[in-house]
Amino acid sequence: MTIPWRRLGASAAALAVVAALAYSGWKDLPHTWRLLKTQHSTYAGYTAAQKERLFATSIPMSMDPFDFWRFYLQSRDRYYLQMPPEPFSSFANKRQIAQAIAHIYLLPATETQRLDDATVVLSLDANPTTLHRGFSDQHESGLQEIYFSRLRGS
């Protein structure tokens, strides 16, 4: 009985893929385990609050505005981030970095790109009165322009 060439070719290709994966695992796995052990020893002693903030503090970006907003946010809120797109790094502006942090840190509240869909406005280095909307509740943090503004009717 002869094996069809197509089947033989498919079997050879599958064997080559499995061999390549095995070699890759054999070569890279020790390095990966060393890296994981090093990171575990570094971060194992962190509290839950420190772990939540680690992403942002390693950028570095101050977590003060996010802590302020988080205090007032409710789980069903949809927030609009009002912030000028100032330069921050060669990869992203400050607003993009703040959005990335907010998406993780301010959960379960969610960001909306449209002001009309928002229940609250989170402002950093911007004054929410420039949006010409009515607010039912508004809080300002210190002297820097950091505002939490609940939109009227939400």
Protein backbone atom coordinates (compact mmCIF):
# COMPACT_ATOMS: atom_id res chain seq x y z
CA MET A 1 0.00 0.00 0.00
CA THR A 2 1.42 3.38 -0.96
CA ILE A 3 0.96 6.63 0.96
CA PRO A 4 -0.29 9.51 -1.22
CA TRP A 5 2.30 12.24 -1.72
CA ARG A 6 -0.01 14.95 -0.46
CA ARG A 7 -0.51 13.14 2.84
CA LEU A 8 3.21 12.49 3.17
CA GLY A 9 3.96 16.19 2.54
CA ALA A 10 1.39 17.31 5.12
CA SER A 11 2.81 14.91 7.70
CA ALA A 12 6.36 16.12 7.03
CA ALA A 13 5.27 19.76 7.38
CA ALA A 14 3.45 19.03 10.65
CA LEU A 15 6.51 17.20 11.98
CA ALA A 16 8.72 20.16 11.04
CA VAL A 17 6.41 22.59 12.86
CA VAL A 18 6.36 20.42 15.99
CA ALA A 19 10.16 20.12 15.87
CA ALA A 20 10.55 23.91 15.52
CA LEU A 21 8.21 24.52 18.46
CA ALA A 22 10.06 21.97 20.60
CA TYR A 23 13.42 23.57 19.77
CA SER A 24 12.07 27.04 20.53
CA GLY A 25 10.73 25.87 23.88
CA TRP A 26 13.98 24.10 24.75
CA LYS A 27 16.00 27.19 23.82
CA ASP A 28 13.82 29.95 25.36
CA LEU A 29 12.10 28.29 28.30
CA PRO A 30 15.02 28.54 30.79
CA HIS A 31 15.39 32.27 30.08
CA THR A 32 11.63 32.80 30.49
CA TRP A 33 11.57 30.99 33.84
CA ARG A 34 14.54 33.04 35.11
CA LEU A 35 12.77 36.24 34.08
CA LEU A 36 9.51 35.17 35.76
CA LYS A 37 11.31 34.24 38.99
CA THR A 38 13.12 37.59 39.03
CA GLN A 39 9.89 39.51 38.48
CA HIS A 40 8.08 37.44 41.10
CA SER A 41 10.75 38.17 43.70
CA THR A 42 10.54 41.88 42.82
CA TYR A 43 6.75 42.25 42.92
CA ALA A 44 5.59 39.54 45.35
CA GLY A 45 5.86 41.89 48.32
CA TYR A 46 3.73 44.62 46.73
CA THR A 47 0.29 45.31 48.14
CA ALA A 48 -2.76 45.11 45.87
CA ALA A 49 -2.90 48.92 45.73
CA GLN A 50 0.76 49.13 44.67
CA LYS A 51 0.17 46.52 41.96
CA GLU A 52 -2.81 48.48 40.60
CA ARG A 53 -0.68 51.61 40.30
CA LEU A 54 2.47 49.93 38.98
CA PHE A 55 1.59 50.36 35.31
CA ALA A 56 1.24 54.12 35.57
CA THR A 57 4.07 54.77 37.99
CA SER A 58 6.53 52.95 35.72
CA ILE A 59 5.74 55.33 32.82
CA PRO A 60 6.09 57.77 34.94
CA MET A 61 2.85 59.66 35.28
CA SER A 62 1.34 61.00 38.46
CA MET A 63 -1.53 58.87 39.75
CA ASP A 64 -3.05 61.76 41.73
CA PRO A 65 -5.63 62.72 39.07
CA PHE A 66 -6.67 59.08 38.61
CA ASP A 67 -7.06 58.58 42.38
CA PHE A 68 -9.14 61.76 42.54
CA TRP A 69 -11.42 60.66 39.67
CA ARG A 70 -11.71 57.11 40.98
CA PHE A 71 -12.99 58.41 44.32
CA TYR A 72 -16.04 60.01 42.66
CA LEU A 73 -16.69 57.56 39.80
CA GLN A 74 -19.52 55.04 40.03
CA SER A 75 -19.45 51.64 38.37
CA ARG A 76 -21.99 52.53 35.65
CA ASP A 77 -20.38 55.86 34.72
CA ARG A 78 -19.28 56.58 31.19
CA TYR A 79 -16.54 59.19 31.29
CA TYR A 80 -15.27 61.64 28.74
CA LEU A 81 -11.60 62.55 29.21
CA GLN A 82 -11.03 66.25 28.60
CA MET A 83 -7.35 66.86 28.21
CA PRO A 84 -5.16 68.70 25.69
CA PRO A 85 -2.92 66.39 23.62
CA GLU A 86 0.40 67.70 25.00
CA PRO A 87 3.65 66.00 24.00
CA PHE A 88 4.70 63.24 26.39
CA SER A 89 7.05 60.88 24.55
CA SER A 90 8.10 59.98 21.04
CA PHE A 91 5.43 57.24 20.98
CA ALA A 92 2.31 58.95 22.38
CA ASN A 93 0.98 62.22 23.66
CA LYS A 94 -0.06 62.78 27.29
CA ARG A 95 -3.77 62.28 26.55
CA GLN A 96 -3.13 58.88 24.93
CA ILE A 97 -1.08 57.76 27.93
CA ALA A 98 -3.78 58.98 30.32
CA GLN A 99 -6.42 57.09 28.33
CA ALA A 100 -4.40 53.87 28.54
CA ILE A 101 -4.04 54.23 32.31
CA ALA A 102 -7.69 55.19 32.77
CA HIS A 103 -8.93 52.17 30.81
CA ILE A 104 -7.35 49.90 33.42
CA TYR A 105 -7.38 51.95 36.61
CA LEU A 106 -10.88 53.41 36.41
CA LEU A 107 -12.72 50.16 35.71
CA PRO A 108 -15.63 49.34 35.84
CA ALA A 109 -16.38 52.85 34.54
CA THR A 110 -15.82 53.07 30.79
CA GLU A 111 -14.57 55.78 28.50
CA THR A 112 -16.66 57.24 25.72
CA GLN A 113 -15.23 59.16 22.79
CA ARG A 114 -18.32 61.35 22.44
CA LEU A 115 -19.25 63.92 25.07
CA ASP A 116 -22.94 63.32 24.33
CA ASP A 117 -22.61 59.69 25.51
CA ALA A 118 -20.87 60.56 28.80
CA THR A 119 -22.30 60.77 32.30
CA VAL A 120 -19.18 62.48 33.71
CA VAL A 121 -16.31 64.60 32.43
CA LEU A 122 -12.80 63.97 33.78
CA SER A 123 -10.64 67.02 33.12
CA LEU A 124 -6.88 67.35 33.43
CA ASP A 125 -5.12 70.59 32.47
CA ALA A 126 -8.44 71.79 31.04
CA ASN A 127 -11.46 73.60 32.42
CA PRO A 128 -14.80 71.80 31.91
CA THR A 129 -16.68 75.12 31.59
CA THR A 130 -15.20 75.41 28.09
CA LEU A 131 -17.43 72.47 27.06
CA HIS A 132 -20.54 74.64 27.65
CA ARG A 133 -22.47 71.88 29.42
CA GLY A 134 -24.47 71.90 32.63
CA PHE A 135 -23.10 69.97 35.59
CA SER A 136 -25.09 68.68 38.55
CA ASP A 137 -21.98 68.02 40.64
CA GLN A 138 -18.41 69.26 40.27
CA HIS A 139 -15.23 68.75 42.28
CA GLU A 140 -11.83 70.39 41.82
CA SER A 141 -8.57 68.98 43.13
CA GLY A 142 -6.12 71.52 44.50
CA LEU A 143 -4.61 74.27 42.39
CA GLN A 144 -3.93 72.22 39.26
CA GLU A 145 -6.77 71.93 36.75
CA ILE A 146 -8.12 68.52 37.75
CA TYR A 147 -11.90 68.31 37.73
CA PHE A 148 -14.58 65.68 38.17
CA SER A 149 -17.84 66.95 36.67
CA ARG A 150 -21.11 65.00 36.64
CA LEU A 151 -23.25 66.04 33.69
CA ARG A 152 -26.74 67.27 34.49
CA GLY A 153 -29.41 64.67 33.72
CA SER A 154 -27.16 61.65 34.11
